[in-house]
Amino acid sequence: MTFSFTLVLGLFLLAPGLAAFAGLYHGSKLGNVEAPPPPPGSILALSIVTVGAMIAHLVGATLFWLQERFCSVGLCFRVGYEPNIYAALFNVALAKGPVTGTEVVAILFTLVVLTGLAFVSAREAVSRLAGKDALKGMLYGWLAEVDVGEDRGEAVLAYIVSDVQEDGTIVGYEGVVANMTTNAEKEITSILLDSCEIFYLRVSQRGVSRRKADRDSDIGQLYLDRFHIKNVAFERVKFAIFDK
């Protein structure tokens, strides 16, 4: 497998967009839900990478343009290479001249700086935006509603119907979501419940009835993987805080 110069250059130019994509997910990371980013080929991922790369390169090109404008009226030091990496890249693409070793170093150094700035800027912007919840909804979909983040006044209850059943009686679990993992398609792969209660669902001709299991205490923690989860429902609850 061989890589052409155009492909390698394209990957380098997309690096700031990939960093912005990583920064968005790092800055908006969910609290008790571990969800990977969408597949690289998804429309959302491609849009974020493309827009992030365009914004980063627009900022870089603008800075080089401002430098050129300043040097046309102010005092600047003359260098033996093209300081504007975008002009150097266009010169190579249009076969207007070879690129020097110094220009190669300048191009790679600038791309590294832009990539780092794109990651930090995207992460900080997401962390500080007032519309953070809306952005989480766009990135994570329904998982954003299950996450409680750092808000200690809320909890998410899960009601799970398991695969354990016999003679029309199904075993279910109710507890506080302590941790949950999903795949890139936002399918639940595992869930960890705190203060878990066991209940039984009885399916008969008269309908579905629920009965709590006879136990002296709740289960401290219960782990279930995807193969033992038939259905799950979530409920967000708020804790009332009374000032003394």
Protein backbone atom coordinates (compact mmCIF):
# COMPACT_ATOMS: atom_id res chain seq x y z
CA MET A 1 0.00 0.00 0.00
CA THR A 2 1.51 3.32 -1.06
CA PHE A 3 0.58 6.82 0.01
CA SER A 4 0.68 9.67 -2.44
CA PHE A 5 1.91 13.13 -1.53
CA THR A 6 -1.61 14.49 -1.97
CA LEU A 7 -3.05 11.99 0.53
CA VAL A 8 -0.36 12.67 3.11
CA LEU A 9 -0.78 16.42 2.70
CA GLY A 10 -4.55 16.05 3.03
CA LEU A 11 -4.13 14.16 6.32
CA PHE A 12 -1.77 16.82 7.61
CA LEU A 13 -4.23 19.59 6.71
CA LEU A 14 -7.08 17.71 8.40
CA ALA A 15 -5.08 17.30 11.61
CA PRO A 16 -6.49 20.49 13.24
CA GLY A 17 -10.02 19.29 12.44
CA LEU A 18 -9.35 15.91 14.03
CA ALA A 19 -7.94 17.69 17.08
CA ALA A 20 -11.05 19.88 17.29
CA PHE A 21 -13.20 16.73 17.09
CA ALA A 22 -11.24 15.19 19.98
CA GLY A 23 -11.44 18.43 21.96
CA LEU A 24 -15.23 18.60 21.62
CA TYR A 25 -15.69 15.11 23.02
CA HIS A 26 -13.07 15.57 25.72
CA GLY A 27 -14.61 18.83 26.88
CA SER A 28 -18.17 17.51 26.88
CA LYS A 29 -17.38 14.10 28.37
CA LEU A 30 -20.32 12.55 30.15
CA GLY A 31 -20.09 11.77 33.84
CA ASN A 32 -21.49 8.31 34.52
CA VAL A 33 -21.84 7.25 30.89
CA GLU A 34 -18.87 6.07 28.83
CA ALA A 35 -19.70 6.61 25.18
CA PRO A 36 -17.19 6.53 22.31
CA PRO A 37 -17.39 9.15 19.55
CA PRO A 38 -19.34 8.32 16.40
CA PRO A 39 -17.60 6.37 13.62
CA PRO A 40 -15.11 8.46 11.59
CA GLY A 41 -17.23 7.96 8.48
CA SER A 42 -20.42 9.35 10.02
CA ILE A 43 -21.88 12.64 8.80
CA LEU A 44 -21.46 14.24 12.24
CA ALA A 45 -17.78 13.27 12.55
CA LEU A 46 -16.95 14.37 9.02
CA SER A 47 -18.76 17.68 9.53
CA ILE A 48 -16.92 18.46 12.78
CA VAL A 49 -13.52 17.51 11.33
CA THR A 50 -14.07 19.51 8.13
CA VAL A 51 -15.44 22.63 9.83
CA GLY A 52 -12.77 22.46 12.55
CA ALA A 53 -9.99 22.22 9.96
CA MET A 54 -11.43 25.10 7.93
CA ILE A 55 -11.70 27.37 10.98
CA ALA A 56 -8.17 26.51 12.15
CA HIS A 57 -6.67 27.17 8.72
CA LEU A 58 -8.70 30.36 8.35
CA VAL A 59 -7.23 31.62 11.61
CA GLY A 60 -3.73 30.61 10.48
CA ALA A 61 -4.07 32.20 7.05
CA THR A 62 -5.45 35.38 8.62
CA LEU A 63 -2.46 35.64 10.96
CA PHE A 64 -0.03 35.26 8.07
CA TRP A 65 -1.99 37.86 6.08
CA LEU A 66 -1.84 40.29 9.01
CA GLN A 67 1.88 39.66 9.29
CA GLU A 68 2.31 40.47 5.60
CA ARG A 69 0.27 43.66 5.95
CA PHE A 70 2.29 44.73 8.97
CA CYS A 71 5.60 44.04 7.23
CA SER A 72 4.52 46.18 4.27
CA VAL A 73 4.31 49.27 6.47
CA GLY A 74 6.46 48.36 9.48
CA LEU A 75 9.87 47.03 10.29
CA CYS A 76 10.35 43.29 9.77
CA PHE A 77 13.29 40.95 9.46
CA ARG A 78 13.87 39.41 6.05
CA VAL A 79 14.20 35.65 6.01
CA GLY A 80 15.53 33.35 3.29
CA TYR A 81 12.31 31.38 2.85
CA GLU A 82 8.58 31.93 2.40
CA PRO A 83 7.23 32.51 5.95
CA ASN A 84 3.62 32.06 4.86
CA ILE A 85 3.19 28.29 4.82
CA TYR A 86 -0.01 28.52 2.78
CA ALA A 87 1.76 30.49 0.07
CA ALA A 88 4.54 27.88 0.12
CA LEU A 89 2.01 25.05 -0.23
CA PHE A 90 0.27 26.76 -3.14
CA ASN A 91 3.62 27.38 -4.81
CA VAL A 92 4.38 23.65 -4.62
CA ALA A 93 0.89 22.69 -5.81
CA LEU A 94 1.10 25.07 -8.77
CA ALA A 95 4.70 24.03 -9.55
CA LYS A 96 5.94 27.58 -9.08
CA GLY A 97 9.08 26.43 -7.33
CA PRO A 98 10.53 23.77 -5.03
CA VAL A 99 9.95 23.81 -1.30
CA THR A 100 13.06 24.26 0.82
CA GLY A 101 13.97 22.32 3.94
CA THR A 102 13.31 25.39 6.08
CA GLU A 103 9.86 25.74 4.57
CA VAL A 104 9.12 22.08 5.31
CA VAL A 105 10.05 22.63 8.96
CA ALA A 106 7.94 25.82 9.07
CA ILE A 107 4.94 24.01 7.54
CA LEU A 108 5.10 21.08 9.95
CA PHE A 109 5.72 23.32 12.97
CA THR A 110 2.75 25.53 12.07
CA LEU A 111 0.46 22.53 11.58
CA VAL A 112 1.51 21.12 14.96
CA VAL A 113 0.76 24.46 16.65
CA LEU A 114 -2.60 24.78 14.87
CA THR A 115 -3.51 21.22 15.84
CA GLY A 116 -2.71 21.82 19.50
CA LEU A 117 -4.58 25.12 19.55
CA ALA A 118 -7.60 23.53 17.85
CA PHE A 119 -7.80 20.82 20.52
CA VAL A 120 -7.41 23.22 23.46
CA SER A 121 -9.79 25.81 21.97
CA ALA A 122 -12.51 23.26 21.22
CA ARG A 123 -12.23 21.66 24.66
CA GLU A 124 -12.31 24.99 26.51
CA ALA A 125 -15.13 26.37 24.37
CA VAL A 126 -17.32 23.34 25.08
CA SER A 127 -16.49 23.40 28.80
CA ARG A 128 -17.42 27.06 29.14
CA LEU A 129 -20.36 27.40 26.75
CA ALA A 130 -23.70 28.17 28.34
CA GLY A 131 -25.39 25.91 25.78
CA LYS A 132 -23.33 22.92 26.84
CA ASP A 133 -26.37 20.68 27.34
CA ALA A 134 -27.59 21.36 23.82
CA LEU A 135 -24.16 20.49 22.45
CA LYS A 136 -24.12 17.28 24.48
CA GLY A 137 -27.45 16.39 22.96
CA MET A 138 -26.03 16.84 19.47
CA LEU A 139 -22.92 14.78 20.23
CA TYR A 140 -24.41 12.01 22.36
CA GLY A 141 -28.10 11.93 21.47
CA TRP A 142 -30.34 10.20 24.02
CA LEU A 143 -27.35 9.36 26.23
CA ALA A 144 -27.13 13.01 27.29
CA GLU A 145 -30.50 12.63 29.04
CA VAL A 146 -29.23 9.66 31.08
CA ASP A 147 -26.06 11.41 32.24
CA VAL A 148 -26.17 13.41 35.48
CA GLY A 149 -22.69 14.91 35.12
CA GLU A 150 -21.42 16.69 38.24
CA ASP A 151 -24.85 17.64 39.55
CA ARG A 152 -25.08 15.93 42.95
CA GLY A 153 -28.73 16.90 43.30
CA GLU A 154 -29.83 14.46 40.62
CA ALA A 155 -29.76 10.75 39.96
CA VAL A 156 -30.90 8.48 37.15
CA LEU A 157 -32.85 5.35 38.01
CA ALA A 158 -32.80 2.36 35.69
CA TYR A 159 -35.55 -0.24 35.49
CA ILE A 160 -34.12 -3.30 33.77
CA VAL A 161 -35.97 -6.34 32.49
CA SER A 162 -33.49 -9.21 32.41
CA ASP A 163 -33.37 -12.41 30.38
CA VAL A 164 -34.09 -14.52 33.48
CA GLN A 165 -37.65 -15.83 33.32
CA GLU A 166 -39.68 -18.92 34.08
CA ASP A 167 -43.38 -19.76 33.73
CA GLY A 168 -44.33 -16.20 32.84
CA THR A 169 -42.32 -14.59 35.68
CA ILE A 170 -39.48 -12.26 34.66
CA VAL A 171 -36.73 -11.00 36.95
CA GLY A 172 -36.09 -7.27 36.88
CA TYR A 173 -33.74 -4.85 38.60
CA GLU A 174 -34.17 -1.28 39.80
CA GLY A 175 -31.29 0.92 40.90
CA VAL A 176 -29.27 4.09 40.51
CA VAL A 177 -27.10 4.21 37.41
CA ALA A 178 -23.50 4.34 38.66
CA ASN A 179 -21.84 3.66 35.33
CA MET A 180 -22.91 2.69 31.85
CA THR A 181 -20.93 1.88 28.71
CA THR A 182 -22.14 2.02 25.13
CA ASN A 183 -20.71 1.39 21.69
CA ALA A 184 -20.38 3.84 18.82
CA GLU A 185 -24.00 3.11 17.80
CA LYS A 186 -25.16 4.20 21.30
CA GLU A 187 -26.20 0.66 22.22
CA ILE A 188 -25.82 -0.28 25.89
CA THR A 189 -23.01 -2.79 26.39
CA SER A 190 -22.97 -2.84 30.21
CA ILE A 191 -24.54 -1.09 33.18
CA LEU A 192 -23.62 -0.84 36.86
CA LEU A 193 -26.38 -0.15 39.39
CA ASP A 194 -26.09 1.10 42.97
CA SER A 195 -28.63 0.32 45.72
CA CYS A 196 -30.28 -2.24 43.49
CA GLU A 197 -33.64 -3.86 44.20
CA ILE A 198 -34.95 -7.03 42.59
CA PHE A 199 -38.54 -7.24 41.40
CA TYR A 200 -40.61 -9.81 39.56
CA LEU A 201 -42.92 -9.20 36.63
CA ARG A 202 -45.75 -11.68 36.27
CA VAL A 203 -47.33 -11.91 32.82
CA SER A 204 -50.81 -13.40 32.77
CA GLN A 205 -54.06 -13.09 30.90
CA ARG A 206 -55.10 -10.30 33.27
CA GLY A 207 -52.01 -8.25 32.36
CA VAL A 208 -48.61 -7.56 33.92
CA SER A 209 -48.16 -7.32 37.68
CA ARG A 210 -45.05 -6.36 39.61
CA ARG A 211 -43.90 -7.72 42.96
CA LYS A 212 -40.84 -6.70 44.96
CA ALA A 213 -38.47 -9.50 45.95
CA ASP A 214 -38.33 -10.39 49.63
CA ARG A 215 -34.89 -9.23 50.78
CA ASP A 216 -33.61 -7.77 54.02
CA SER A 217 -31.45 -5.20 52.20
CA ASP A 218 -30.69 -3.87 48.75
CA ILE A 219 -27.84 -5.15 46.60
CA GLY A 220 -24.94 -2.73 46.98
CA GLN A 221 -23.83 -2.92 43.35
CA LEU A 222 -25.02 -5.02 40.44
CA TYR A 223 -23.30 -5.35 37.06
CA LEU A 224 -25.18 -6.47 33.96
CA ASP A 225 -23.83 -6.91 30.45
CA ARG A 226 -25.77 -6.49 27.23
CA PHE A 227 -26.60 -10.19 26.94
CA HIS A 228 -28.65 -10.13 30.17
CA ILE A 229 -30.57 -6.92 29.41
CA LYS A 230 -33.82 -7.38 27.52
CA ASN A 231 -35.21 -3.91 28.10
CA VAL A 232 -34.40 -0.86 30.17
CA ALA A 233 -36.18 2.35 31.13
CA PHE A 234 -34.65 5.41 32.76
CA GLU A 235 -36.06 8.01 35.14
CA ARG A 236 -34.30 11.18 36.27
CA VAL A 237 -35.02 12.18 39.84
CA LYS A 238 -34.06 15.27 41.83
CA PHE A 239 -33.25 15.29 45.51
CA ALA A 240 -34.94 17.95 47.59
CA ILE A 241 -32.44 19.92 49.67
CA PHE A 242 -33.81 21.61 52.75
CA ASP A 243 -31.88 24.37 54.52
CA LYS A 244 -31.90 24.10 58.28
